[in-house]
Amino acid sequence: MLNITLVTVGKIKEAYLSEAAASYIKRIKPYGRLNILELKAEAFSDATKDKAKKIEAARIEAVLDNKQEAQIYLMSERGALFNSLDFAATITQRQEIVLVIAGSLGFAKELENKYPQISLSPLTFPHELARVILLEQIYRAATIINNKAYHY
């Protein structure tokens, strides 16, 4: 059974992305536990981007400090690339997996240097769309693990 915590900075604002996310969350439920923690996104201007990133990083760290036993991955376009089969193998190897999606500013360097990173693609996606893509890949991984007809 999957045991995944998805930590996200910010909420999904677009209705069509919320509907897609809800659909994948519903599909994942039979295959394990999925906990989604939405953290507050910090307001920023051009002059306060670095400060906002540090505040968001502190919020993320406050959650991750309570997940010492879990395998934690940051979702980043600079992270390790996996195909869907390898991603499925990766998320089943640990007791709990924590996947973190940054807000619109990305991650602070302190976090990037501390945790391993996984890439959904070398392309950069808006964090709301990245959440939907990641949820689809979690569902795909669950079907691969359970030999269900979805992946090909």
C-alpha atoms as a PDB file:
ATOM      1  CA  MET A   1       0.000   0.000   0.000  1.00  0.00           C
ATOM      2  CA  LEU A   2       1.207   3.461  -0.850  1.00  0.00           C
ATOM      3  CA  ASN A   3       1.826   5.915   1.960  1.00  0.00           C
ATOM      4  CA  ILE A   4       2.403   9.325   0.405  1.00  0.00           C
ATOM      5  CA  THR A   5       2.290  12.832   1.786  1.00  0.00           C
ATOM      6  CA  LEU A   6       2.153  15.602  -0.786  1.00  0.00           C
ATOM      7  CA  VAL A   7       3.268  18.967   0.574  1.00  0.00           C
ATOM      8  CA  THR A   8       2.378  21.920  -1.620  1.00  0.00           C
ATOM      9  CA  VAL A   9       2.887  25.655  -1.329  1.00  0.00           C
ATOM     10  CA  GLY A  10      -0.315  27.368  -2.363  1.00  0.00           C
ATOM     11  CA  LYS A  11      -3.713  26.154  -3.428  1.00  0.00           C
ATOM     12  CA  ILE A  12      -5.071  25.266  -6.827  1.00  0.00           C
ATOM     13  CA  LYS A  13      -7.022  28.293  -8.025  1.00  0.00           C
ATOM     14  CA  GLU A  14      -8.303  27.130 -11.410  1.00  0.00           C
ATOM     15  CA  ALA A  15     -11.496  25.053 -11.266  1.00  0.00           C
ATOM     16  CA  TYR A  16     -10.466  22.750 -14.114  1.00  0.00           C
ATOM     17  CA  LEU A  17      -7.191  21.877 -12.352  1.00  0.00           C
ATOM     18  CA  SER A  18      -9.038  21.320  -9.057  1.00  0.00           C
ATOM     19  CA  GLU A  19     -11.394  18.920 -10.815  1.00  0.00           C
ATOM     20  CA  ALA A  20      -8.509  17.012 -12.376  1.00  0.00           C
ATOM     21  CA  ALA A  21      -6.670  16.813  -9.034  1.00  0.00           C
ATOM     22  CA  ALA A  22      -9.825  15.599  -7.266  1.00  0.00           C
ATOM     23  CA  SER A  23     -10.314  12.913  -9.915  1.00  0.00           C
ATOM     24  CA  TYR A  24      -6.809  11.512  -9.405  1.00  0.00           C
ATOM     25  CA  ILE A  25      -7.077  11.732  -5.610  1.00  0.00           C
ATOM     26  CA  LYS A  26     -10.258   9.645  -5.800  1.00  0.00           C
ATOM     27  CA  ARG A  27      -8.546   7.108  -8.095  1.00  0.00           C
ATOM     28  CA  ILE A  28      -5.534   6.802  -5.760  1.00  0.00           C
ATOM     29  CA  LYS A  29      -7.570   6.087  -2.596  1.00  0.00           C
ATOM     30  CA  PRO A  30      -8.043   2.335  -3.174  1.00  0.00           C
ATOM     31  CA  TYR A  31      -4.269   1.897  -3.456  1.00  0.00           C
ATOM     32  CA  GLY A  32      -3.131   3.494  -0.241  1.00  0.00           C
ATOM     33  CA  ARG A  33      -2.890   6.607   1.862  1.00  0.00           C
ATOM     34  CA  LEU A  34      -2.472  10.026   0.262  1.00  0.00           C
ATOM     35  CA  ASN A  35      -2.260  13.016   2.566  1.00  0.00           C
ATOM     36  CA  ILE A  36      -2.114  16.494   1.026  1.00  0.00           C
ATOM     37  CA  LEU A  37      -0.800  19.395   3.092  1.00  0.00           C
ATOM     38  CA  GLU A  38      -1.309  22.812   1.529  1.00  0.00           C
ATOM     39  CA  LEU A  39       0.974  25.477   2.965  1.00  0.00           C
ATOM     40  CA  LYS A  40       0.338  29.189   2.682  1.00  0.00           C
ATOM     41  CA  ALA A  41       2.059  30.877  -0.250  1.00  0.00           C
ATOM     42  CA  GLU A  42       3.836  34.065   0.760  1.00  0.00           C
ATOM     43  CA  ALA A  43       2.872  37.273  -1.036  1.00  0.00           C
ATOM     44  CA  PHE A  44       5.849  38.917  -2.732  1.00  0.00           C
ATOM     45  CA  SER A  45       7.029  41.700  -4.996  1.00  0.00           C
ATOM     46  CA  ASP A  46      10.150  41.859  -7.146  1.00  0.00           C
ATOM     47  CA  ALA A  47      12.001  43.322  -4.168  1.00  0.00           C
ATOM     48  CA  THR A  48      10.853  40.641  -1.693  1.00  0.00           C
ATOM     49  CA  LYS A  49      11.179  37.392  -3.698  1.00  0.00           C
ATOM     50  CA  ASP A  50      14.160  36.074  -1.716  1.00  0.00           C
ATOM     51  CA  LYS A  51      12.512  36.864   1.610  1.00  0.00           C
ATOM     52  CA  ALA A  52       9.289  35.142   0.480  1.00  0.00           C
ATOM     53  CA  LYS A  53      11.243  32.027  -0.606  1.00  0.00           C
ATOM     54  CA  LYS A  54      12.882  31.847   2.832  1.00  0.00           C
ATOM     55  CA  ILE A  55       9.532  32.179   4.598  1.00  0.00           C
ATOM     56  CA  GLU A  56       8.046  29.415   2.430  1.00  0.00           C
ATOM     57  CA  ALA A  57      11.141  27.281   3.051  1.00  0.00           C
ATOM     58  CA  ALA A  58      10.634  27.677   6.815  1.00  0.00           C
ATOM     59  CA  ARG A  59       7.019  26.532   6.447  1.00  0.00           C
ATOM     60  CA  ILE A  60       8.129  23.505   4.435  1.00  0.00           C
ATOM     61  CA  GLU A  61      10.883  22.653   6.953  1.00  0.00           C
ATOM     62  CA  ALA A  62       8.390  22.836   9.825  1.00  0.00           C
ATOM     63  CA  VAL A  63       6.434  20.026   8.133  1.00  0.00           C
ATOM     64  CA  LEU A  64       9.484  18.024   7.082  1.00  0.00           C
ATOM     65  CA  ASP A  65      10.958  18.163  10.597  1.00  0.00           C
ATOM     66  CA  ASN A  66       8.039  15.924  11.630  1.00  0.00           C
ATOM     67  CA  LYS A  67       8.753  13.472   8.797  1.00  0.00           C
ATOM     68  CA  GLN A  68      12.229  12.288   9.863  1.00  0.00           C
ATOM     69  CA  GLU A  69      11.422   8.630   9.116  1.00  0.00           C
ATOM     70  CA  ALA A  70      10.061   9.340   5.631  1.00  0.00           C
ATOM     71  CA  GLN A  71      11.903   9.535   2.328  1.00  0.00           C
ATOM     72  CA  ILE A  72      11.571  13.150   1.203  1.00  0.00           C
ATOM     73  CA  TYR A  73      11.833  14.392  -2.371  1.00  0.00           C
ATOM     74  CA  LEU A  74      11.525  17.889  -3.761  1.00  0.00           C
ATOM     75  CA  MET A  75       9.812  18.114  -7.137  1.00  0.00           C
ATOM     76  CA  SER A  76      12.073  20.172  -9.398  1.00  0.00           C
ATOM     77  CA  GLU A  77      12.797  20.434 -13.110  1.00  0.00           C
ATOM     78  CA  ARG A  78      16.472  19.985 -12.166  1.00  0.00           C
ATOM     79  CA  GLY A  79      15.819  16.724 -10.339  1.00  0.00           C
ATOM     80  CA  ALA A  80      16.408  13.122 -11.367  1.00  0.00           C
ATOM     81  CA  LEU A  81      14.345  11.977 -14.321  1.00  0.00           C
ATOM     82  CA  PHE A  82      12.423   8.709 -14.046  1.00  0.00           C
ATOM     83  CA  ASN A  83      10.196   6.827 -16.394  1.00  0.00           C
ATOM     84  CA  SER A  84       6.870   5.734 -14.908  1.00  0.00           C
ATOM     85  CA  LEU A  85       8.086   2.217 -14.058  1.00  0.00           C
ATOM     86  CA  ASP A  86      11.112   3.545 -12.163  1.00  0.00           C
ATOM     87  CA  PHE A  87       8.976   6.150 -10.403  1.00  0.00           C
ATOM     88  CA  ALA A  88       6.606   3.382  -9.289  1.00  0.00           C
ATOM     89  CA  ALA A  89       9.551   1.383  -7.922  1.00  0.00           C
ATOM     90  CA  THR A  90      10.884   4.447  -6.110  1.00  0.00           C
ATOM     91  CA  ILE A  91       7.673   5.304  -4.286  1.00  0.00           C
ATOM     92  CA  THR A  92       7.131   1.748  -3.054  1.00  0.00           C
ATOM     93  CA  GLN A  93      10.566   1.326  -1.493  1.00  0.00           C
ATOM     94  CA  ARG A  94       9.954   3.296   1.685  1.00  0.00           C
ATOM     95  CA  GLN A  95       7.561   3.360   4.636  1.00  0.00           C
ATOM     96  CA  GLU A  96       6.376   6.873   3.827  1.00  0.00           C
ATOM     97  CA  ILE A  97       7.208   9.061   0.852  1.00  0.00           C
ATOM     98  CA  VAL A  98       6.941  12.845   1.089  1.00  0.00           C
ATOM     99  CA  LEU A  99       6.818  14.756  -2.191  1.00  0.00           C
ATOM    100  CA  VAL A 100       7.122  18.543  -2.012  1.00  0.00           C
ATOM    101  CA  ILE A 101       5.960  21.014  -4.658  1.00  0.00           C
ATOM    102  CA  ALA A 102       7.211  24.578  -4.256  1.00  0.00           C
ATOM    103  CA  GLY A 103       5.157  27.677  -4.883  1.00  0.00           C
ATOM    104  CA  SER A 104       5.549  29.981  -7.862  1.00  0.00           C
ATOM    105  CA  LEU A 105       9.014  31.120  -6.717  1.00  0.00           C
ATOM    106  CA  GLY A 106      10.502  27.645  -6.508  1.00  0.00           C
ATOM    107  CA  PHE A 107      12.565  26.314  -3.618  1.00  0.00           C
ATOM    108  CA  ALA A 108      15.088  28.200  -1.516  1.00  0.00           C
ATOM    109  CA  LYS A 109      18.673  26.996  -2.079  1.00  0.00           C
ATOM    110  CA  GLU A 110      18.826  25.660   1.489  1.00  0.00           C
ATOM    111  CA  LEU A 111      16.090  23.141   0.688  1.00  0.00           C
ATOM    112  CA  GLU A 112      17.542  22.244  -2.703  1.00  0.00           C
ATOM    113  CA  ASN A 113      20.868  21.454  -1.058  1.00  0.00           C
ATOM    114  CA  LYS A 114      19.309  19.371   1.719  1.00  0.00           C
ATOM    115  CA  TYR A 115      16.892  17.022  -0.078  1.00  0.00           C
ATOM    116  CA  PRO A 116      17.015  14.834  -3.194  1.00  0.00           C
ATOM    117  CA  GLN A 117      14.975  16.030  -6.140  1.00  0.00           C
ATOM    118  CA  ILE A 118      12.740  14.325  -8.683  1.00  0.00           C
ATOM    119  CA  SER A 119      11.773  15.897 -11.975  1.00  0.00           C
ATOM    120  CA  LEU A 120       8.437  15.475 -13.702  1.00  0.00           C
ATOM    121  CA  SER A 121      10.080  16.932 -16.805  1.00  0.00           C
ATOM    122  CA  PRO A 122      12.972  19.220 -17.702  1.00  0.00           C
ATOM    123  CA  LEU A 123      10.231  21.719 -18.531  1.00  0.00           C
ATOM    124  CA  THR A 124       8.980  24.087 -15.845  1.00  0.00           C
ATOM    125  CA  PHE A 125       5.278  23.854 -14.972  1.00  0.00           C
ATOM    126  CA  PRO A 126       3.097  26.140 -12.874  1.00  0.00           C
ATOM    127  CA  HIS A 127       2.916  24.587  -9.399  1.00  0.00           C
ATOM    128  CA  GLU A 128      -0.826  23.981  -9.753  1.00  0.00           C
ATOM    129  CA  LEU A 129      -0.361  22.006 -12.979  1.00  0.00           C
ATOM    130  CA  ALA A 130       2.639  20.173 -11.506  1.00  0.00           C
ATOM    131  CA  ARG A 131       0.358  18.933  -8.730  1.00  0.00           C
ATOM    132  CA  VAL A 132      -2.088  17.441 -11.245  1.00  0.00           C
ATOM    133  CA  ILE A 133       0.735  15.836 -13.235  1.00  0.00           C
ATOM    134  CA  LEU A 134       2.259  14.391 -10.063  1.00  0.00           C
ATOM    135  CA  LEU A 135      -1.104  13.025  -8.906  1.00  0.00           C
ATOM    136  CA  GLU A 136      -1.550  11.350 -12.291  1.00  0.00           C
ATOM    137  CA  GLN A 137       1.900   9.781 -11.984  1.00  0.00           C
ATOM    138  CA  ILE A 138       1.131   8.570  -8.451  1.00  0.00           C
ATOM    139  CA  TYR A 139      -2.049   6.963  -9.774  1.00  0.00           C
ATOM    140  CA  ARG A 140      -0.132   5.469 -12.705  1.00  0.00           C
ATOM    141  CA  ALA A 141       2.474   4.108 -10.265  1.00  0.00           C
ATOM    142  CA  ALA A 142      -0.268   2.563  -8.124  1.00  0.00           C
ATOM    143  CA  THR A 143      -1.717   0.781 -11.150  1.00  0.00           C
ATOM    144  CA  ILE A 144       1.725  -0.433 -12.199  1.00  0.00           C
ATOM    145  CA  ILE A 145       2.439  -1.771  -8.702  1.00  0.00           C
ATOM    146  CA  ASN A 146      -0.946  -3.512  -8.592  1.00  0.00           C
ATOM    147  CA  ASN A 147      -0.837  -4.866 -12.149  1.00  0.00           C
ATOM    148  CA  LYS A 148      -3.905  -2.924 -13.248  1.00  0.00           C
ATOM    149  CA  ALA A 149      -4.541  -1.930 -16.863  1.00  0.00           C
ATOM    150  CA  TYR A 150      -3.735   1.765 -17.091  1.00  0.00           C
ATOM    151  CA  HIS A 151      -0.072   2.047 -17.994  1.00  0.00           C
ATOM    152  CA  TYR A 152      -0.121   0.998 -21.666  1.00  0.00           C
END
